Protein backbone atom coordinates (compact mmCIF):
# COMPACT_ATOMS: atom_id res chain seq x y z
CA MET A 1 -162.57 -7.29 57.47
CA ILE A 2 -161.61 -6.84 53.39
CA LEU A 3 -163.78 -7.17 50.46
CA VAL A 4 -162.83 -8.99 46.75
CA LEU A 5 -164.95 -7.50 44.11
CA GLY A 6 -164.58 -9.47 41.00
CA SER A 7 -164.76 -12.60 38.84
CA SER A 8 -164.25 -16.62 39.45
CA ARG A 9 -163.38 -17.25 36.22
CA ASP A 10 -160.28 -14.45 36.04
CA HIS A 11 -156.96 -15.55 37.07
CA VAL A 12 -156.60 -13.25 39.75
CA PHE A 13 -159.61 -13.90 41.87
CA PRO A 14 -158.83 -17.26 42.83
CA GLN A 15 -154.96 -15.96 43.43
CA LEU A 16 -155.79 -12.77 45.34
CA THR A 17 -158.56 -15.35 47.82
CA HIS A 18 -155.72 -17.60 48.40
CA HIS A 19 -152.71 -15.45 49.49
CA LEU A 20 -155.74 -13.58 51.67
CA ARG A 21 -156.46 -17.24 52.80
CA GLU A 22 -153.21 -18.00 53.57
CA SER A 23 -152.52 -14.62 56.04
CA GLY A 24 -155.54 -15.68 58.17
CA HIS A 25 -157.14 -12.12 57.62
CA PRO A 26 -160.87 -11.82 57.74
CA PHE A 27 -162.15 -11.25 54.38
CA LEU A 28 -165.49 -11.77 51.68
CA ALA A 29 -165.26 -12.37 48.12
CA ILE A 30 -167.90 -11.35 45.64
CA ASP A 31 -168.56 -12.99 42.37
CA GLU A 32 -169.74 -10.68 39.84
CA ASP A 33 -170.29 -13.82 37.72
CA ALA A 34 -173.03 -14.87 39.68
CA PRO A 35 -175.00 -11.39 39.64
CA THR A 36 -178.36 -13.00 41.02
CA ARG A 37 -176.53 -13.88 44.18
CA TYR A 38 -176.40 -10.46 45.91
CA THR A 39 -178.56 -7.79 46.55
CA ILE A 40 -177.53 -4.27 47.68
CA GLN A 41 -179.34 -2.56 50.48
CA ARG A 42 -178.90 1.18 51.34
CA GLU A 43 -179.90 2.48 54.09
CA PRO A 44 -180.14 6.41 55.02
CA ALA A 45 -178.34 7.75 58.26
CA ASN A 46 -177.52 11.11 58.97
CA GLY A 47 -177.44 12.39 55.62
CA ASN A 48 -175.64 9.54 54.75
CA SER A 49 -175.90 6.00 53.32
CA ILE A 50 -174.64 2.88 55.10
CA PHE A 51 -174.73 -0.06 52.14
CA ARG A 52 -175.21 -3.31 53.13
CA ILE A 53 -174.61 -6.59 50.77
CA VAL A 54 -176.28 -9.55 51.32
CA GLY A 55 -176.31 -13.06 49.42
CA GLU A 56 -173.50 -16.15 49.45
CA GLY A 57 -172.38 -15.58 52.98
CA CYS A 58 -172.76 -11.99 53.23
CA ASP A 59 -175.37 -11.13 55.65
CA GLY A 60 -174.60 -7.57 55.42
CA ARG A 61 -173.90 -6.58 59.09
CA THR A 62 -169.94 -7.50 58.57
CA PRO A 63 -167.79 -3.94 58.58
CA VAL A 64 -165.80 -3.67 55.51
CA LYS A 65 -162.80 -1.37 55.77
CA SER A 66 -160.75 -1.71 52.75
CA ILE A 67 -161.77 -3.33 49.13
CA PHE A 68 -160.16 -4.49 46.10
CA VAL A 69 -162.11 -4.28 42.86
CA ARG A 70 -161.27 -5.89 39.32
CA HIS A 71 -164.86 -6.20 37.95
CA ALA A 72 -166.00 -9.10 36.12
CA VAL A 73 -166.19 -9.05 32.15
CA ALA A 74 -169.07 -10.54 31.10
CA ARG A 75 -168.49 -13.92 29.02
CA LYS A 76 -171.66 -14.74 27.66
CA LEU A 77 -174.13 -12.20 25.90
CA GLU A 78 -177.94 -13.82 26.95
CA PRO A 79 -179.42 -10.48 27.41
CA GLU A 80 -180.85 -11.03 31.11
CA TYR A 81 -177.60 -12.04 32.12
CA LEU A 82 -175.89 -9.01 30.54
CA GLN A 83 -178.69 -6.46 32.45
CA GLN A 84 -178.45 -8.74 35.62
CA MET A 85 -174.61 -8.16 35.59
CA GLY A 86 -174.79 -4.50 35.02
CA GLN A 87 -177.09 -3.96 37.42
CA LEU A 88 -175.33 -5.51 40.24
CA GLN A 89 -171.89 -3.66 38.97
CA ALA A 90 -173.85 -0.31 38.49
CA GLU A 91 -175.34 -0.88 42.45
CA LEU A 92 -171.27 -1.43 43.44
CA ASN A 93 -170.02 1.44 41.31
CA PHE A 94 -172.25 3.88 43.52
CA MET A 95 -171.51 2.20 46.73
CA LEU A 96 -167.82 2.40 45.84
CA ARG A 97 -168.18 6.40 45.08
CA VAL A 98 -168.90 7.43 48.31
CA ALA A 99 -167.50 4.30 50.48
CA ARG A 100 -165.70 5.14 53.30
CA CYS A 101 -162.20 2.87 53.40
CA PRO A 102 -159.98 2.57 51.11
CA ILE A 103 -160.61 1.29 47.51
CA LEU A 104 -157.95 -0.85 45.38
CA ASN A 105 -158.97 0.44 42.95
CA PRO A 106 -162.09 3.44 42.53
CA PRO A 107 -163.37 2.73 39.20
CA ALA A 108 -164.06 6.50 39.65
CA ASN A 109 -160.57 7.13 39.15
CA SER A 110 -160.30 4.75 36.43
CA LEU A 111 -161.64 6.79 33.37
CA SER A 112 -158.45 7.57 32.02
CA ASN A 113 -157.88 4.29 30.85
CA TYR A 114 -161.58 4.41 29.06
CA SER A 115 -159.32 6.58 26.03
CA LYS A 116 -155.76 5.58 25.34
CA ALA A 117 -155.08 8.74 23.69
CA TYR A 118 -155.97 10.56 26.34
CA GLN A 119 -153.91 8.52 29.01
CA VAL A 120 -150.65 8.66 26.87
CA ALA A 121 -151.00 12.63 26.70
CA LEU A 122 -151.05 12.58 30.68
CA LEU A 123 -147.81 10.49 30.39
CA ALA A 124 -146.50 12.67 28.20
CA ARG A 125 -147.66 15.50 30.88
CA ALA A 126 -146.00 14.18 33.54
CA GLY A 127 -142.73 13.49 31.62
CA PHE A 128 -142.54 10.12 30.40
CA ASP A 129 -141.28 9.85 26.67
CA VAL A 130 -144.40 8.20 24.44
CA PRO A 131 -145.10 7.20 20.92
CA ARG A 132 -146.41 9.10 18.42
CA SER A 133 -149.94 8.33 17.91
CA LEU A 134 -152.83 8.71 15.79
CA VAL A 135 -156.89 7.50 16.57
CA THR A 136 -158.32 8.12 12.87
CA ASN A 137 -161.39 6.54 10.82
CA ILE A 138 -159.90 7.64 8.01
CA PRO A 139 -157.66 5.54 5.91
CA GLU A 140 -155.48 8.21 4.18
CA ALA A 141 -154.64 9.48 6.94
CA ALA A 142 -153.74 6.34 8.51
CA ARG A 143 -151.78 5.13 5.44
CA SER A 144 -149.62 8.78 5.78
CA PHE A 145 -149.01 7.75 9.61
CA TRP A 146 -147.64 4.47 8.23
CA GLU A 147 -145.50 6.43 5.94
CA GLU A 148 -144.56 9.05 8.36
CA CYS A 149 -143.00 6.30 11.00
CA ASN A 150 -141.07 4.36 8.19
CA ARG A 151 -143.90 2.43 7.61
CA GLU A 152 -143.13 0.89 11.15
CA VAL A 153 -146.71 0.87 13.02
CA VAL A 154 -148.87 -0.67 15.28
CA PHE A 155 -152.98 -0.31 15.40
CA LYS A 156 -154.80 -1.41 18.26
CA GLY A 157 -158.22 -0.46 20.13
CA VAL A 158 -158.87 3.21 21.01
CA SER A 159 -161.10 1.91 24.17
CA ASN A 160 -160.18 0.38 27.77
CA VAL A 161 -161.46 -3.02 25.79
CA THR A 162 -158.50 -5.47 25.87
CA THR A 163 -156.70 -5.78 22.11
CA LEU A 164 -153.30 -7.14 21.07
CA ALA A 165 -151.44 -4.89 19.26
CA GLN A 166 -150.89 -5.77 15.58
CA LEU A 167 -148.46 -4.65 13.26
CA LEU A 168 -149.66 -2.32 9.99
CA THR A 169 -147.82 -4.31 7.16
CA PRO A 170 -148.49 -3.98 3.19
CA LYS A 171 -150.29 -7.35 3.87
CA THR A 172 -152.57 -6.18 6.64
CA LEU A 173 -153.02 -2.71 4.30
CA PRO A 174 -155.82 -3.27 2.91
CA ARG A 175 -157.76 -3.61 6.08
CA LEU A 176 -157.81 0.56 6.47
CA ASP A 177 -160.73 0.39 4.59
CA HIS A 178 -163.00 -0.90 6.80
CA LEU A 179 -161.85 1.99 9.60
CA SER A 180 -164.73 4.42 8.43
CA CYS A 181 -166.75 1.88 10.59
CA SER A 182 -164.11 1.36 13.29
CA PRO A 183 -161.95 4.31 14.82
CA THR A 184 -158.59 2.90 15.42
CA TYR A 185 -155.88 3.80 17.41
CA PHE A 186 -151.89 3.78 15.74
CA GLN A 187 -148.52 4.16 17.44
CA GLU A 188 -144.90 4.67 16.48
CA TYR A 189 -144.21 0.65 16.76
CA ILE A 190 -141.04 0.96 19.24
CA ALA A 191 -139.30 -2.46 19.15
CA GLY A 192 -137.27 -3.92 21.91
CA ASP A 193 -137.91 -5.24 25.54
CA ASP A 194 -141.43 -4.95 27.06
CA TYR A 195 -141.50 -3.69 31.14
CA ARG A 196 -144.24 -4.16 33.20
CA VAL A 197 -144.06 -1.37 36.40
CA HIS A 198 -146.38 -2.96 38.85
CA VAL A 199 -147.04 -0.15 41.41
CA ILE A 200 -148.77 -1.27 45.09
CA GLY A 201 -149.36 1.58 47.44
CA ASP A 202 -145.33 3.23 47.63
CA GLU A 203 -143.70 0.14 46.05
CA ALA A 204 -143.20 -0.84 42.63
CA PHE A 205 -142.24 -3.96 41.21
CA VAL A 206 -140.18 -4.05 37.79
CA THR A 207 -140.79 -7.07 35.50
CA ARG A 208 -138.72 -7.92 32.18
CA ILE A 209 -140.53 -9.64 29.21
CA VAL A 210 -138.86 -10.77 26.46
CA ALA A 211 -141.36 -12.43 23.44
CA GLU A 212 -141.03 -12.98 19.85
CA ASN A 213 -144.87 -11.15 19.05
CA VAL A 214 -145.30 -7.37 18.57
CA ASP A 215 -147.24 -7.99 21.94
CA TYR A 216 -146.12 -10.27 23.91
CA ARG A 217 -149.63 -11.39 25.54
CA ARG A 218 -150.30 -12.68 22.49
CA THR A 219 -147.59 -15.54 23.18
CA SER A 220 -148.67 -16.19 26.43
CA ILE A 221 -152.43 -16.41 25.43
CA ILE A 222 -153.24 -17.10 21.82
CA GLU A 223 -149.66 -18.67 20.23
CA SER A 224 -147.00 -20.49 21.05
CA GLY A 225 -143.15 -18.72 20.90
CA GLU A 226 -140.53 -18.99 23.45
CA ILE A 227 -141.37 -15.68 26.35
CA GLN A 228 -138.81 -14.51 29.19
CA VAL A 229 -140.59 -13.65 32.28
CA GLU A 230 -138.29 -12.42 35.08
CA ALA A 231 -137.20 -8.93 37.41
CA GLY A 232 -135.97 -5.98 36.31
CA ASN A 233 -134.54 -2.75 36.91
CA LEU A 234 -135.56 0.49 35.55
CA PRO A 235 -133.72 3.92 36.81
CA PRO A 236 -134.92 5.16 40.53
CA ASP A 237 -136.30 8.62 38.52
CA ILE A 238 -138.30 6.04 36.02
CA VAL A 239 -140.21 4.28 39.36
CA ASP A 240 -140.72 7.14 41.19
CA ARG A 241 -142.19 9.11 38.35
CA CYS A 242 -145.07 5.61 37.88
CA ILE A 243 -145.57 5.67 41.41
CA ALA A 244 -146.93 9.32 41.43
CA PHE A 245 -148.38 9.07 38.10
CA THR A 246 -150.63 6.30 39.56
CA HIS A 247 -151.24 8.40 42.38
CA SER A 248 -151.37 11.34 40.69
CA LEU A 249 -154.90 9.26 39.24
CA GLY A 250 -155.78 8.73 42.70
CA LEU A 251 -155.18 4.91 42.28
CA ALA A 252 -153.46 2.58 44.64
CA ALA A 253 -151.95 0.24 42.30
CA SER A 254 -151.52 0.20 38.87
CA GLY A 255 -149.88 -1.74 36.03
CA MET A 256 -147.76 0.73 33.61
CA ASP A 257 -146.75 -0.63 30.22
CA PHE A 258 -143.14 0.39 28.63
CA LYS A 259 -141.33 -0.38 25.69
CA GLN A 260 -137.14 -0.12 25.70
CA GLN A 261 -135.28 -0.03 22.48
CA ALA A 262 -131.62 -0.92 22.06
CA SER A 263 -130.31 2.50 21.86
CA GLY A 264 -132.16 2.73 25.77
CA ARG A 265 -135.01 4.71 24.63
CA LEU A 266 -137.40 3.80 27.06
CA VAL A 267 -141.48 4.79 26.10
CA ALA A 268 -144.49 4.59 28.23
CA LEU A 269 -147.30 2.85 26.71
CA GLU A 270 -150.29 2.76 28.55
CA LEU A 271 -151.33 2.64 32.36
CA ASN A 272 -154.01 0.04 33.18
CA PRO A 273 -155.63 0.40 36.64
CA TYR A 274 -156.66 -3.32 37.11
CA PRO A 275 -153.50 -4.82 35.61
CA GLN A 276 -153.52 -9.06 35.68
CA PHE A 277 -150.64 -9.06 38.48
CA THR A 278 -151.19 -12.59 38.91
CA PHE A 279 -149.02 -13.86 35.56
CA TYR A 280 -146.27 -11.92 36.47
CA ASP A 281 -145.72 -12.63 39.75
CA ARG A 282 -146.09 -16.46 38.66
CA ARG A 283 -143.46 -15.96 35.94
CA SER A 284 -140.97 -13.65 37.48
CA GLY A 285 -140.93 -15.01 41.13
CA GLN A 286 -141.64 -11.29 42.34
CA PRO A 287 -144.49 -11.25 45.36
CA ILE A 288 -146.79 -8.57 43.91
CA THR A 289 -149.59 -10.58 44.61
CA ARG A 290 -148.75 -10.72 48.31
CA ALA A 291 -147.77 -6.48 48.32
CA VAL A 292 -151.46 -6.56 47.32
CA VAL A 293 -152.74 -8.44 50.36
CA ASP A 294 -150.25 -6.87 52.79
CA TYR A 295 -151.52 -3.24 51.45
CA LEU A 296 -155.49 -4.18 51.83
CA ILE A 297 -154.56 -5.53 55.86
CA ARG A 298 -152.24 -1.95 56.22
CA HIS A 299 -154.90 0.47 54.51
CA GLN A 300 -157.87 -0.09 57.05
CA ALA A 301 -160.69 2.27 58.00
CA THR A 302 -161.64 2.50 61.54
CA GLU A 303 -164.93 3.46 60.49
CA THR A 304 -166.99 2.75 57.58
CA ASN A 305 -170.50 2.59 55.51
CA VAL A 306 -170.03 -0.98 54.31
CA PHE A 307 -170.67 -4.18 55.49
CA ALA A 308 -171.23 -7.70 53.85
């Protein structure tokens, strides 16, 4: 049986469970947006632990042989709800650290994404071309970096919390005065087409995105505008490096973002360990969600310590 951990309010959750239902393979889904519906029971067993998930269709007796994880993000700020969701996810993450079955992806192996600057350093070490970058809360340092990059710089958050990249322009320059309260990530702006490489096990799907905005997600989520999403091509050695880099982090899947200049220069921006892959396969026609389901079906433990 496959276990899906996620949010019913997230686009990935319903699409993935739909494909699993179509596959005919047994699965159970934990909706973390309803944290009080579930309890995680832990039992000692010969020096190890057995975990039983109980509630909302789970009786704690069915062996879990592979797990998909894309944790819910809190969408309301009531303290009691935040505490309940945090408690459930903490218990699930403890379980995932010692679960004896394949996990796509283990949260403990996704921590490089919590610091964009650290992850870019890892990308550079793996042989990818990366943009010049600066993390600072000093306005003068940010202004100097802007000048050094010929006044072509984007800024965004430093952590894994989703933020949309924006251009630093004479109009937005006065906002640097607020830096002392909010360290920010500045990067050399790379103009050109966007590429997303989804790695699923040993497979990779390359998607090309052309949009009017600096961050194409702004076009698709917030503002109207033209956006083109289609199957793309990148050099085989780059694709192979994406697969190897994903595996080197202990991940089974990833979404890696690139920009390609008109000159052909291909620049790696980041790796997302929990990509929103349904947007890309819906727009491009690539079978990415199907590949995730196939991976979960093919990679199953013969013995497990998780039951739902």
